[in-house]
Amino acid sequence: MPRKKDGMLFELLPRPTKGDDGQPLLYPRPAIGFKYTMRAVDDFCNKYRGMSSGDLTRLFETFLDAASWLMRDGSRIETPLGSFAPKLRLDGDYTDPEKVQSKNVSFAGIEFIPSQRFEQSVEEKIFHGYRKKQEVIERHPLSDPDELEEALQKSMFSGFTTVQRFCYYSGLRYRSGKRFLDNLCKGEVPRLQKEKEGQTNHYRLIVDSKSKV
């Protein structure tokens, strides 16, 4: 059978969990590493969507400023792309609401929920389906402290990581990755603070720590 030459290129990576045959279960992700800058998207809209040069950039800059003002009281912004809302976090584990004060709450980032229209639009434009890279990317568990440190840094987004995300970069099994992160939450000067958001533990950097990350 001739090899497929069009469609979205994807690669297969192993998950921490294993299948019935004892081998890691696989998951796909887009294999292309190219990123479009705001300038590139602006140029595309100028050439192919009838917009004046710079209009899209100015639109996004205006939206960033306006949305920041409108969300400052906790409001959610709904757009054709999806909805945006501020996320909050507590500075520790609490079970008694009476013990939580205003000073215990801080900003934790932006929650983005893509709209069904946006998702459908992307899916509709993948005209030629998908094509697979031939090799499966192997992820060997890291053991060197410097390599684990690098994996930890790579797994950090918006100041926190999760066990699953860290395991992806380190190649460790879930239990080993969790043990590694939990150990960084201990000691006289812990590097991480564990916070539960929903069903997921977030390991957040302690800013005042003398951490490498």
N, C-alpha and C. Protein backbone atom coordinates (compact mmCIF):
# COMPACT_ATOMS: atom_id res chain seq x y z
N MET A 1 0.85 -1.20 0.00
CA MET A 1 0.00 0.00 0.00
C MET A 1 0.89 1.25 0.00
N PRO A 2 0.64 2.22 -0.90
CA PRO A 2 1.46 3.43 -0.93
C PRO A 2 1.30 4.24 0.35
N ARG A 3 2.38 4.87 0.76
CA ARG A 3 2.36 5.64 1.99
C ARG A 3 1.58 6.94 1.78
N LYS A 4 0.71 7.27 2.74
CA LYS A 4 -0.08 8.50 2.68
C LYS A 4 0.84 9.70 2.77
N LYS A 5 0.66 10.67 1.86
CA LYS A 5 1.55 11.82 1.79
C LYS A 5 0.89 13.14 2.14
N ASP A 6 -0.39 13.10 2.52
CA ASP A 6 -1.06 14.34 2.92
C ASP A 6 -1.79 14.12 4.24
N GLY A 7 -2.40 15.17 4.75
CA GLY A 7 -3.08 15.08 6.02
C GLY A 7 -2.20 15.55 7.17
N MET A 8 -2.78 15.68 8.35
CA MET A 8 -2.03 16.14 9.52
C MET A 8 -1.07 15.05 9.98
N LEU A 9 0.21 15.41 10.07
CA LEU A 9 1.22 14.45 10.51
C LEU A 9 1.12 14.29 12.03
N PHE A 10 1.06 13.03 12.49
CA PHE A 10 1.01 12.80 13.92
C PHE A 10 2.05 11.76 14.31
N GLU A 11 2.43 11.80 15.57
CA GLU A 11 3.37 10.85 16.12
C GLU A 11 2.72 10.13 17.30
N LEU A 12 3.22 8.95 17.60
CA LEU A 12 2.68 8.15 18.69
C LEU A 12 3.66 8.12 19.84
N LEU A 13 3.14 8.33 21.04
CA LEU A 13 3.97 8.30 22.24
C LEU A 13 3.35 7.36 23.25
N PRO A 14 4.18 6.76 24.09
CA PRO A 14 3.65 5.84 25.11
C PRO A 14 3.08 6.57 26.31
N ARG A 15 1.99 6.06 26.84
CA ARG A 15 1.41 6.55 28.08
C ARG A 15 2.02 5.82 29.26
N PRO A 16 1.86 6.34 30.48
CA PRO A 16 2.40 5.63 31.65
C PRO A 16 1.73 4.28 31.90
N THR A 17 0.46 4.14 31.46
CA THR A 17 -0.27 2.90 31.69
C THR A 17 0.00 1.89 30.57
N LYS A 18 -0.21 0.60 30.87
CA LYS A 18 0.07 -0.47 29.90
C LYS A 18 -1.21 -1.19 29.50
N GLY A 19 -1.16 -1.82 28.32
CA GLY A 19 -2.28 -2.58 27.81
C GLY A 19 -2.22 -4.03 28.25
N ASP A 20 -3.13 -4.84 27.73
CA ASP A 20 -3.19 -6.25 28.09
C ASP A 20 -1.94 -7.02 27.71
N ASP A 21 -1.20 -6.52 26.70
CA ASP A 21 0.01 -7.21 26.26
C ASP A 21 1.24 -6.78 27.06
N GLY A 22 1.04 -5.94 28.07
CA GLY A 22 2.15 -5.51 28.90
C GLY A 22 2.93 -4.34 28.33
N GLN A 23 2.58 -3.88 27.14
CA GLN A 23 3.26 -2.76 26.50
C GLN A 23 2.52 -1.45 26.80
N PRO A 24 3.26 -0.32 26.80
CA PRO A 24 2.61 0.97 27.08
C PRO A 24 1.51 1.29 26.07
N LEU A 25 0.39 1.77 26.58
CA LEU A 25 -0.66 2.25 25.69
C LEU A 25 -0.17 3.51 24.98
N LEU A 26 -0.61 3.71 23.76
CA LEU A 26 -0.14 4.83 22.94
C LEU A 26 -1.18 5.94 22.86
N TYR A 27 -0.69 7.15 22.60
CA TYR A 27 -1.59 8.26 22.31
C TYR A 27 -0.97 9.11 21.21
N PRO A 28 -1.80 9.74 20.36
CA PRO A 28 -1.28 10.54 19.26
C PRO A 28 -1.20 12.02 19.61
N ARG A 29 -0.27 12.73 18.95
CA ARG A 29 -0.23 14.18 19.05
C ARG A 29 0.31 14.70 17.73
N PRO A 30 -0.06 15.93 17.33
CA PRO A 30 0.47 16.49 16.09
C PRO A 30 1.99 16.51 16.12
N ALA A 31 2.61 16.11 14.99
CA ALA A 31 4.07 15.98 14.95
C ALA A 31 4.76 17.22 14.43
N ILE A 32 4.02 18.14 13.84
CA ILE A 32 4.66 19.31 13.27
C ILE A 32 5.06 20.27 14.39
N GLY A 33 6.26 20.81 14.31
CA GLY A 33 6.75 21.69 15.36
C GLY A 33 6.67 23.17 15.01
N PHE A 34 6.05 23.50 13.89
CA PHE A 34 6.02 24.88 13.44
C PHE A 34 5.01 25.69 14.25
N LYS A 35 5.36 26.92 14.59
CA LYS A 35 4.46 27.82 15.29
C LYS A 35 4.28 29.10 14.48
N TYR A 36 3.03 29.55 14.36
CA TYR A 36 2.74 30.81 13.68
C TYR A 36 2.77 31.95 14.69
N THR A 37 3.49 32.99 14.36
CA THR A 37 3.50 34.18 15.20
C THR A 37 2.26 35.02 14.91
N MET A 38 1.99 35.99 15.78
CA MET A 38 0.87 36.89 15.54
C MET A 38 1.06 37.63 14.22
N ARG A 39 2.30 37.98 13.90
CA ARG A 39 2.60 38.68 12.64
C ARG A 39 2.24 37.81 11.45
N ALA A 40 2.54 36.51 11.54
CA ALA A 40 2.25 35.59 10.43
C ALA A 40 0.74 35.43 10.23
N VAL A 41 -0.01 35.33 11.32
CA VAL A 41 -1.46 35.21 11.21
C VAL A 41 -2.05 36.50 10.66
N ASP A 42 -1.50 37.62 11.10
CA ASP A 42 -1.96 38.93 10.60
C ASP A 42 -1.72 39.02 9.10
N ASP A 43 -0.53 38.59 8.64
CA ASP A 43 -0.22 38.63 7.21
C ASP A 43 -1.16 37.72 6.42
N PHE A 44 -1.47 36.56 6.98
CA PHE A 44 -2.39 35.63 6.31
C PHE A 44 -3.76 36.28 6.12
N CYS A 45 -4.27 36.93 7.17
CA CYS A 45 -5.58 37.58 7.09
C CYS A 45 -5.56 38.76 6.12
N ASN A 46 -4.42 39.42 6.02
CA ASN A 46 -4.27 40.52 5.08
C ASN A 46 -4.31 40.02 3.63
N LYS A 47 -3.67 38.88 3.37
CA LYS A 47 -3.58 38.35 2.01
C LYS A 47 -4.82 37.58 1.58
N TYR A 48 -5.43 36.84 2.54
CA TYR A 48 -6.47 35.90 2.14
C TYR A 48 -7.83 36.13 2.79
N ARG A 49 -7.94 37.05 3.73
CA ARG A 49 -9.22 37.27 4.40
C ARG A 49 -9.69 38.72 4.32
N GLY A 50 -9.07 39.53 3.49
CA GLY A 50 -9.55 40.88 3.22
C GLY A 50 -9.37 41.87 4.35
N MET A 51 -8.46 41.60 5.30
CA MET A 51 -8.23 42.54 6.39
C MET A 51 -7.02 43.41 6.08
N SER A 52 -7.04 44.63 6.58
CA SER A 52 -5.89 45.51 6.41
C SER A 52 -4.75 45.03 7.30
N SER A 53 -3.54 45.27 6.84
CA SER A 53 -2.37 44.84 7.59
C SER A 53 -2.36 45.47 8.99
N GLY A 54 -2.17 44.65 10.00
CA GLY A 54 -2.12 45.15 11.37
C GLY A 54 -3.45 45.13 12.10
N ASP A 55 -4.56 44.96 11.36
CA ASP A 55 -5.88 45.01 12.00
C ASP A 55 -6.05 43.89 13.03
N LEU A 56 -5.63 42.68 12.68
CA LEU A 56 -5.82 41.55 13.59
C LEU A 56 -4.98 41.72 14.85
N THR A 57 -3.76 42.20 14.67
CA THR A 57 -2.90 42.42 15.84
C THR A 57 -3.52 43.46 16.77
N ARG A 58 -4.02 44.55 16.19
CA ARG A 58 -4.65 45.59 17.01
C ARG A 58 -5.91 45.06 17.69
N LEU A 59 -6.65 44.20 16.99
CA LEU A 59 -7.85 43.61 17.57
C LEU A 59 -7.50 42.79 18.81
N PHE A 60 -6.46 41.94 18.70
CA PHE A 60 -6.07 41.10 19.82
C PHE A 60 -5.53 41.93 20.99
N GLU A 61 -4.76 42.97 20.67
CA GLU A 61 -4.24 43.83 21.72
C GLU A 61 -5.38 44.53 22.45
N THR A 62 -6.38 44.99 21.69
CA THR A 62 -7.53 45.64 22.30
C THR A 62 -8.33 44.66 23.14
N PHE A 63 -8.52 43.44 22.62
CA PHE A 63 -9.26 42.43 23.37
C PHE A 63 -8.53 42.08 24.67
N LEU A 64 -7.20 41.94 24.60
CA LEU A 64 -6.43 41.61 25.81
C LEU A 64 -6.67 42.65 26.89
N ASP A 65 -6.61 43.93 26.50
CA ASP A 65 -6.79 45.00 27.48
C ASP A 65 -8.22 45.04 28.00
N ALA A 66 -9.20 44.94 27.08
CA ALA A 66 -10.61 45.03 27.49
C ALA A 66 -11.02 43.83 28.34
N ALA A 67 -10.60 42.63 27.92
CA ALA A 67 -10.97 41.43 28.67
C ALA A 67 -10.37 41.45 30.07
N SER A 68 -9.14 41.98 30.19
CA SER A 68 -8.50 42.07 31.50
C SER A 68 -9.33 42.93 32.44
N TRP A 69 -9.83 44.04 31.93
CA TRP A 69 -10.65 44.93 32.76
C TRP A 69 -11.96 44.25 33.13
N LEU A 70 -12.61 43.61 32.17
CA LEU A 70 -13.92 43.03 32.42
C LEU A 70 -13.86 41.79 33.31
N MET A 71 -12.72 41.10 33.31
CA MET A 71 -12.60 39.88 34.12
C MET A 71 -12.06 40.16 35.52
N ARG A 72 -11.72 41.39 35.81
CA ARG A 72 -11.08 41.68 37.09
C ARG A 72 -12.01 41.42 38.28
N ASP A 73 -13.34 41.34 38.05
CA ASP A 73 -14.27 41.05 39.14
C ASP A 73 -14.68 39.58 39.15
N GLY A 74 -14.04 38.76 38.29
CA GLY A 74 -14.37 37.34 38.24
C GLY A 74 -15.29 36.95 37.11
N SER A 75 -15.66 37.91 36.26
CA SER A 75 -16.59 37.61 35.17
C SER A 75 -15.95 36.72 34.11
N ARG A 76 -16.80 36.00 33.39
CA ARG A 76 -16.36 35.17 32.26
C ARG A 76 -16.66 35.92 30.96
N ILE A 77 -15.73 35.85 30.02
CA ILE A 77 -15.90 36.47 28.71
C ILE A 77 -16.19 35.39 27.68
N GLU A 78 -17.29 35.51 26.97
CA GLU A 78 -17.63 34.53 25.93
C GLU A 78 -17.36 35.14 24.56
N THR A 79 -16.65 34.40 23.71
CA THR A 79 -16.28 34.85 22.37
C THR A 79 -16.54 33.72 21.38
N PRO A 80 -16.48 34.00 20.06
CA PRO A 80 -16.61 32.91 19.09
C PRO A 80 -15.53 31.84 19.24
N LEU A 81 -14.36 32.21 19.80
CA LEU A 81 -13.30 31.22 20.02
C LEU A 81 -13.61 30.32 21.21
N GLY A 82 -14.29 30.87 22.20
CA GLY A 82 -14.56 30.15 23.43
C GLY A 82 -14.70 31.14 24.56
N SER A 83 -14.67 30.65 25.77
CA SER A 83 -14.86 31.54 26.92
C SER A 83 -13.59 31.60 27.77
N PHE A 84 -13.39 32.76 28.38
CA PHE A 84 -12.23 33.02 29.22
C PHE A 84 -12.72 33.43 30.61
N ALA A 85 -12.03 32.94 31.63
CA ALA A 85 -12.39 33.33 33.00
C ALA A 85 -11.16 33.21 33.89
N PRO A 86 -11.07 34.05 34.93
CA PRO A 86 -9.94 33.93 35.85
C PRO A 86 -10.06 32.68 36.72
N LYS A 87 -8.92 32.08 37.05
CA LYS A 87 -8.87 30.95 37.98
C LYS A 87 -8.25 31.43 39.29
N LEU A 88 -8.70 30.85 40.39
CA LEU A 88 -8.18 31.21 41.70
C LEU A 88 -7.59 29.98 42.38
N ARG A 89 -6.75 30.22 43.39
CA ARG A 89 -6.19 29.11 44.17
C ARG A 89 -6.08 29.53 45.63
N LEU A 90 -6.05 28.52 46.49
CA LEU A 90 -5.82 28.73 47.91
C LEU A 90 -4.35 28.49 48.21
N ASP A 91 -3.85 29.09 49.27
CA ASP A 91 -2.44 28.94 49.61
C ASP A 91 -2.17 27.70 50.46
N GLY A 92 -3.17 26.85 50.62
CA GLY A 92 -2.97 25.61 51.39
C GLY A 92 -4.20 24.74 51.30
N ASP A 93 -4.24 23.68 52.09
CA ASP A 93 -5.37 22.76 52.13
C ASP A 93 -6.31 23.16 53.28
N TYR A 94 -7.56 23.40 52.95
CA TYR A 94 -8.55 23.80 53.95
C TYR A 94 -9.79 22.92 53.85
N THR A 95 -10.40 22.63 54.98
CA THR A 95 -11.68 21.92 55.01
C THR A 95 -12.76 22.76 55.67
N ASP A 96 -12.34 23.74 56.44
CA ASP A 96 -13.28 24.61 57.15
C ASP A 96 -13.36 25.96 56.46
N PRO A 97 -14.51 26.30 55.85
CA PRO A 97 -14.64 27.60 55.16
C PRO A 97 -14.36 28.79 56.06
N GLU A 98 -14.62 28.66 57.37
CA GLU A 98 -14.42 29.76 58.29
C GLU A 98 -12.95 30.15 58.42
N LYS A 99 -12.06 29.21 58.09
CA LYS A 99 -10.63 29.48 58.23
C LYS A 99 -10.02 30.14 56.98
N VAL A 100 -10.80 30.20 55.91
CA VAL A 100 -10.30 30.81 54.68
C VAL A 100 -10.59 32.30 54.69
N GLN A 101 -9.54 33.10 54.56
CA GLN A 101 -9.67 34.55 54.52
C GLN A 101 -9.26 35.06 53.13
N SER A 102 -9.53 36.31 52.89
CA SER A 102 -9.22 36.91 51.60
C SER A 102 -7.74 36.77 51.25
N LYS A 103 -6.87 36.90 52.24
CA LYS A 103 -5.43 36.82 52.00
C LYS A 103 -4.97 35.43 51.58
N ASN A 104 -5.84 34.41 51.78
CA ASN A 104 -5.48 33.04 51.41
C ASN A 104 -5.77 32.72 49.96
N VAL A 105 -6.37 33.66 49.24
CA VAL A 105 -6.77 33.45 47.85
C VAL A 105 -5.90 34.29 46.93
N SER A 106 -5.50 33.71 45.79
CA SER A 106 -4.70 34.47 44.82
C SER A 106 -5.05 34.03 43.40
N PHE A 107 -4.59 34.81 42.45
CA PHE A 107 -4.84 34.56 41.03
C PHE A 107 -4.03 33.36 40.56
N ALA A 108 -4.65 32.46 39.78
CA ALA A 108 -3.98 31.23 39.36
C ALA A 108 -3.94 31.06 37.85
N GLY A 109 -4.29 32.11 37.09
CA GLY A 109 -4.21 32.00 35.64
C GLY A 109 -5.56 32.20 34.97
N ILE A 110 -5.61 31.86 33.69
CA ILE A 110 -6.82 32.03 32.88
C ILE A 110 -7.34 30.67 32.45
N GLU A 111 -8.61 30.44 32.66
CA GLU A 111 -9.26 29.22 32.16
C GLU A 111 -9.83 29.51 30.78
N PHE A 112 -9.50 28.67 29.80
CA PHE A 112 -10.04 28.83 28.45
C PHE A 112 -10.79 27.57 28.07
N ILE A 113 -12.06 27.73 27.68
CA ILE A 113 -12.88 26.61 27.21
C ILE A 113 -13.23 26.89 25.76
N PRO A 114 -12.65 26.13 24.81
CA PRO A 114 -12.94 26.40 23.39
C PRO A 114 -14.41 26.19 23.07
N SER A 115 -14.92 27.00 22.16
CA SER A 115 -16.32 26.87 21.76
C SER A 115 -16.50 25.70 20.81
N GLN A 116 -17.70 25.17 20.77
CA GLN A 116 -18.01 24.08 19.85
C GLN A 116 -17.82 24.54 18.41
N ARG A 117 -18.16 25.78 18.14
CA ARG A 117 -17.99 26.32 16.79
C ARG A 117 -16.53 26.33 16.39
N PHE A 118 -15.63 26.72 17.29
CA PHE A 118 -14.19 26.76 17.01
C PHE A 118 -13.66 25.35 16.76
N GLU A 119 -14.04 24.41 17.60
CA GLU A 119 -13.59 23.03 17.44
C GLU A 119 -14.08 22.44 16.12
N GLN A 120 -15.34 22.69 15.77
CA GLN A 120 -15.90 22.18 14.52
C GLN A 120 -15.20 22.80 13.31
N SER A 121 -14.87 24.09 13.42
CA SER A 121 -14.21 24.78 12.32
C SER A 121 -12.83 24.18 12.05
N VAL A 122 -12.07 23.89 13.13
CA VAL A 122 -10.76 23.28 12.96
C VAL A 122 -10.90 21.88 12.35
N GLU A 123 -11.83 21.11 12.89
CA GLU A 123 -12.00 19.73 12.41
C GLU A 123 -12.41 19.70 10.93
N GLU A 124 -13.27 20.63 10.53
CA GLU A 124 -13.73 20.67 9.15
C GLU A 124 -12.62 21.00 8.16
N LYS A 125 -11.57 21.70 8.64
CA LYS A 125 -10.49 22.11 7.75
C LYS A 125 -9.35 21.09 7.67
N ILE A 126 -9.47 20.01 8.41
CA ILE A 126 -8.49 18.92 8.27
C ILE A 126 -9.00 18.04 7.13
N PHE A 127 -8.88 18.57 5.92
CA PHE A 127 -9.50 17.95 4.74
C PHE A 127 -8.97 16.55 4.44
N HIS A 128 -7.68 16.34 4.65
CA HIS A 128 -7.04 15.11 4.18
C HIS A 128 -6.78 14.10 5.29
N GLY A 129 -7.43 14.29 6.41
CA GLY A 129 -7.27 13.30 7.48
C GLY A 129 -5.91 13.38 8.16
N TYR A 130 -5.34 12.23 8.46
CA TYR A 130 -4.12 12.17 9.27
C TYR A 130 -3.14 11.18 8.65
N ARG A 131 -1.86 11.43 8.88
CA ARG A 131 -0.83 10.50 8.43
C ARG A 131 0.18 10.29 9.55
N LYS A 132 0.64 9.07 9.66
CA LYS A 132 1.45 8.68 10.81
C LYS A 132 2.94 8.71 10.51
N LYS A 133 3.69 9.25 11.45
CA LYS A 133 5.15 9.08 11.40
C LYS A 133 5.43 7.61 11.69
N GLN A 134 6.41 7.07 11.02
CA GLN A 134 6.61 5.64 11.08
C GLN A 134 7.10 5.12 12.43
N GLU A 135 7.95 5.90 13.09
CA GLU A 135 8.50 5.40 14.35
C GLU A 135 7.68 5.88 15.53
N VAL A 136 7.62 5.04 16.56
CA VAL A 136 7.03 5.44 17.83
C VAL A 136 8.14 6.03 18.68
N ILE A 137 7.90 7.21 19.23
CA ILE A 137 8.92 7.86 20.05
C ILE A 137 9.03 7.15 21.39
N GLU A 138 10.19 6.63 21.68
CA GLU A 138 10.39 5.94 22.95
C GLU A 138 10.80 6.95 24.02
N ARG A 139 10.26 6.75 25.20
CA ARG A 139 10.61 7.62 26.31
C ARG A 139 11.17 6.74 27.42
N HIS A 140 12.48 6.75 27.58
CA HIS A 140 13.13 5.97 28.62
C HIS A 140 13.10 6.75 29.93
N PRO A 141 12.82 6.08 31.02
CA PRO A 141 12.79 6.77 32.31
C PRO A 141 14.13 7.45 32.62
N LEU A 142 14.07 8.70 33.07
CA LEU A 142 15.27 9.43 33.42
C LEU A 142 15.67 9.09 34.86
N SER A 143 16.96 9.13 35.13
CA SER A 143 17.44 8.87 36.49
C SER A 143 18.48 9.89 36.93
N ASP A 144 19.17 10.50 35.97
CA ASP A 144 20.17 11.49 36.31
C ASP A 144 19.49 12.73 36.91
N PRO A 145 20.01 13.24 38.04
CA PRO A 145 19.38 14.41 38.68
C PRO A 145 19.24 15.61 37.76
N ASP A 146 20.25 15.87 36.94
CA ASP A 146 20.19 17.01 36.03
C ASP A 146 19.10 16.81 34.97
N GLU A 147 18.95 15.57 34.50
CA GLU A 147 17.92 15.29 33.50
C GLU A 147 16.53 15.41 34.12
N LEU A 148 16.38 14.94 35.36
CA LEU A 148 15.10 15.08 36.05
C LEU A 148 14.78 16.55 36.29
N GLU A 149 15.80 17.33 36.61
CA GLU A 149 15.62 18.77 36.81
C GLU A 149 15.14 19.43 35.51
N GLU A 150 15.75 19.03 34.41
CA GLU A 150 15.35 19.58 33.11
C GLU A 150 13.92 19.18 32.76
N ALA A 151 13.57 17.91 33.05
CA ALA A 151 12.21 17.44 32.80
C ALA A 151 11.20 18.22 33.64
N LEU A 152 11.56 18.52 34.89
CA LEU A 152 10.68 19.29 35.75
C LEU A 152 10.46 20.69 35.18
N GLN A 153 11.53 21.32 34.72
CA GLN A 153 11.41 22.66 34.15
C GLN A 153 10.53 22.66 32.91
N LYS A 154 10.71 21.66 32.05
CA LYS A 154 9.92 21.58 30.82
C LYS A 154 8.45 21.35 31.11
N SER A 155 8.16 20.65 32.21
CA SER A 155 6.77 20.30 32.51
C SER A 155 6.01 21.45 33.17
N MET A 156 6.72 22.51 33.54
CA MET A 156 6.09 23.62 34.23
C MET A 156 5.40 24.57 33.25
N PHE A 157 4.10 24.77 33.43
CA PHE A 157 3.35 25.74 32.65
C PHE A 157 2.56 26.59 33.64
N SER A 158 2.62 27.90 33.47
CA SER A 158 1.92 28.84 34.37
C SER A 158 2.30 28.59 35.82
N GLY A 159 3.54 28.16 36.05
CA GLY A 159 4.03 28.01 37.41
C GLY A 159 3.68 26.72 38.11
N PHE A 160 3.08 25.76 37.40
CA PHE A 160 2.76 24.49 38.05
C PHE A 160 2.86 23.34 37.05
N THR A 161 2.95 22.11 37.61
CA THR A 161 2.93 20.91 36.79
C THR A 161 1.97 19.91 37.43
N THR A 162 1.75 18.80 36.76
CA THR A 162 0.95 17.70 37.29
C THR A 162 1.77 16.43 37.17
N VAL A 163 1.34 15.37 37.85
CA VAL A 163 2.08 14.11 37.79
C VAL A 163 2.12 13.60 36.35
N GLN A 164 1.00 13.62 35.68
CA GLN A 164 0.95 13.12 34.31
C GLN A 164 1.85 13.92 33.38
N ARG A 165 1.85 15.23 33.54
CA ARG A 165 2.68 16.07 32.68
C ARG A 165 4.16 15.83 32.96
N PHE A 166 4.52 15.72 34.24
CA PHE A 166 5.92 15.45 34.58
C PHE A 166 6.35 14.07 34.07
N CYS A 167 5.48 13.08 34.18
CA CYS A 167 5.80 11.73 33.69
C CYS A 167 6.04 11.74 32.19
N TYR A 168 5.31 12.59 31.48
CA TYR A 168 5.50 12.68 30.03
C TYR A 168 6.92 13.12 29.70
N TYR A 169 7.42 14.14 30.40
CA TYR A 169 8.76 14.66 30.11
C TYR A 169 9.87 13.81 30.71
N SER A 170 9.61 13.13 31.81
CA SER A 170 10.65 12.36 32.49
C SER A 170 10.68 10.90 32.09
N GLY A 171 9.55 10.39 31.54
CA GLY A 171 9.48 8.98 31.19
C GLY A 171 9.22 8.09 32.39
N LEU A 172 9.02 8.66 33.57
CA LEU A 172 8.78 7.87 34.78
C LEU A 172 7.36 7.32 34.79
N ARG A 173 7.17 6.21 35.50
CA ARG A 173 5.84 5.72 35.73
C ARG A 173 5.11 6.67 36.66
N TYR A 174 3.78 6.58 36.68
CA TYR A 174 2.98 7.52 37.45
C TYR A 174 3.39 7.53 38.92
N ARG A 175 3.53 6.33 39.50
CA ARG A 175 3.85 6.25 40.93
C ARG A 175 5.21 6.88 41.23
N SER A 176 6.20 6.61 40.36
CA SER A 176 7.54 7.16 40.57
C SER A 176 7.54 8.68 40.39
N GLY A 177 6.79 9.15 39.38
CA GLY A 177 6.71 10.59 39.16
C GLY A 177 6.04 11.30 40.32
N LYS A 178 4.97 10.70 40.86
CA LYS A 178 4.27 11.29 42.00
C LYS A 178 5.18 11.33 43.22
N ARG A 179 5.95 10.25 43.45
CA ARG A 179 6.86 10.22 44.59
C ARG A 179 7.91 11.31 44.48
N PHE A 180 8.43 11.51 43.25
CA PHE A 180 9.45 12.54 43.02
C PHE A 180 8.88 13.92 43.34
N LEU A 181 7.69 14.22 42.84
CA LEU A 181 7.09 15.54 43.07
C LEU A 181 6.71 15.72 44.54
N ASP A 182 6.18 14.67 45.16
CA ASP A 182 5.80 14.76 46.57
C ASP A 182 7.03 15.06 47.44
N ASN A 183 8.17 14.47 47.08
CA ASN A 183 9.40 14.70 47.86
C ASN A 183 9.85 16.15 47.77
N LEU A 184 9.55 16.81 46.64
CA LEU A 184 9.91 18.21 46.48
C LEU A 184 9.00 19.14 47.28
N CYS A 185 7.92 18.57 47.83
CA CYS A 185 7.03 19.36 48.69
C CYS A 185 7.42 19.26 50.15
N LYS A 186 8.46 18.48 50.45
CA LYS A 186 8.85 18.24 51.84
C LYS A 186 10.15 18.98 52.16
N GLY A 187 10.56 18.89 53.40
CA GLY A 187 11.82 19.50 53.83
C GLY A 187 11.63 20.88 54.43
N GLU A 188 12.72 21.41 54.94
CA GLU A 188 12.68 22.74 55.56
C GLU A 188 12.42 23.83 54.53
N VAL A 189 12.93 23.63 53.32
CA VAL A 189 12.71 24.62 52.25
C VAL A 189 12.14 23.88 51.04
N PRO A 190 10.84 23.56 51.06
CA PRO A 190 10.24 22.83 49.93
C PRO A 190 10.25 23.66 48.66
N ARG A 191 10.41 23.00 47.54
CA ARG A 191 10.43 23.70 46.26
C ARG A 191 9.04 23.82 45.65
N LEU A 192 8.16 22.84 45.98
CA LEU A 192 6.83 22.81 45.40
C LEU A 192 5.77 22.78 46.50
N GLN A 193 4.59 23.24 46.14
CA GLN A 193 3.42 23.15 47.02
C GLN A 193 2.32 22.43 46.27
N LYS A 194 1.77 21.39 46.88
CA LYS A 194 0.73 20.60 46.21
C LYS A 194 -0.64 21.16 46.52
N GLU A 195 -1.41 21.40 45.46
CA GLU A 195 -2.77 21.91 45.61
C GLU A 195 -3.70 21.06 44.76
N LYS A 196 -4.83 20.70 45.31
CA LYS A 196 -5.79 19.90 44.55
C LYS A 196 -6.82 20.80 43.89
N GLU A 197 -6.93 20.69 42.57
CA GLU A 197 -7.93 21.44 41.82
C GLU A 197 -8.79 20.42 41.09
N GLY A 198 -10.05 20.27 41.53
CA GLY A 198 -10.89 19.22 40.98
C GLY A 198 -10.37 17.86 41.41
N GLN A 199 -10.09 17.00 40.44
CA GLN A 199 -9.55 15.68 40.72
C GLN A 199 -8.05 15.59 40.48
N THR A 200 -7.41 16.73 40.18
CA THR A 200 -6.00 16.73 39.80
C THR A 200 -5.16 17.51 40.80
N ASN A 201 -4.02 16.93 41.18
CA ASN A 201 -3.07 17.63 42.04
C ASN A 201 -2.17 18.52 41.19
N HIS A 202 -2.09 19.79 41.55
CA HIS A 202 -1.19 20.73 40.89
C HIS A 202 0.01 20.96 41.80
N TYR A 203 1.19 20.79 41.25
CA TYR A 203 2.43 21.03 42.00
C TYR A 203 2.95 22.40 41.58
N ARG A 204 2.78 23.35 42.48
CA ARG A 204 3.06 24.74 42.14
C ARG A 204 4.40 25.18 42.73
N LEU A 205 5.15 25.95 41.96
CA LEU A 205 6.42 26.48 42.43
C LEU A 205 6.21 27.41 43.61
N ILE A 206 7.06 27.29 44.60
CA ILE A 206 7.08 28.22 45.71
C ILE A 206 8.05 29.34 45.33
N VAL A 207 7.53 30.51 45.07
CA VAL A 207 8.32 31.60 44.49
C VAL A 207 9.52 31.97 45.35
N ASP A 208 9.34 31.95 46.65
CA ASP A 208 10.41 32.37 47.55
C ASP A 208 11.47 31.31 47.77
N SER A 209 11.23 30.11 47.19
CA SER A 209 12.20 29.03 47.38
C SER A 209 13.45 29.28 46.55
N LYS A 210 14.60 28.79 47.03
CA LYS A 210 15.84 28.88 46.27
C LYS A 210 15.88 27.74 45.27
N SER A 211 14.90 27.77 44.38
CA SER A 211 14.74 26.68 43.41
C SER A 211 15.46 26.99 42.13
N LYS A 212 15.89 25.93 41.45
CA LYS A 212 16.52 26.12 40.15
C LYS A 212 15.47 26.45 39.10
N VAL A 213 14.24 26.00 39.32
CA VAL A 213 13.21 26.14 38.29
C VAL A 213 12.69 27.56 38.24
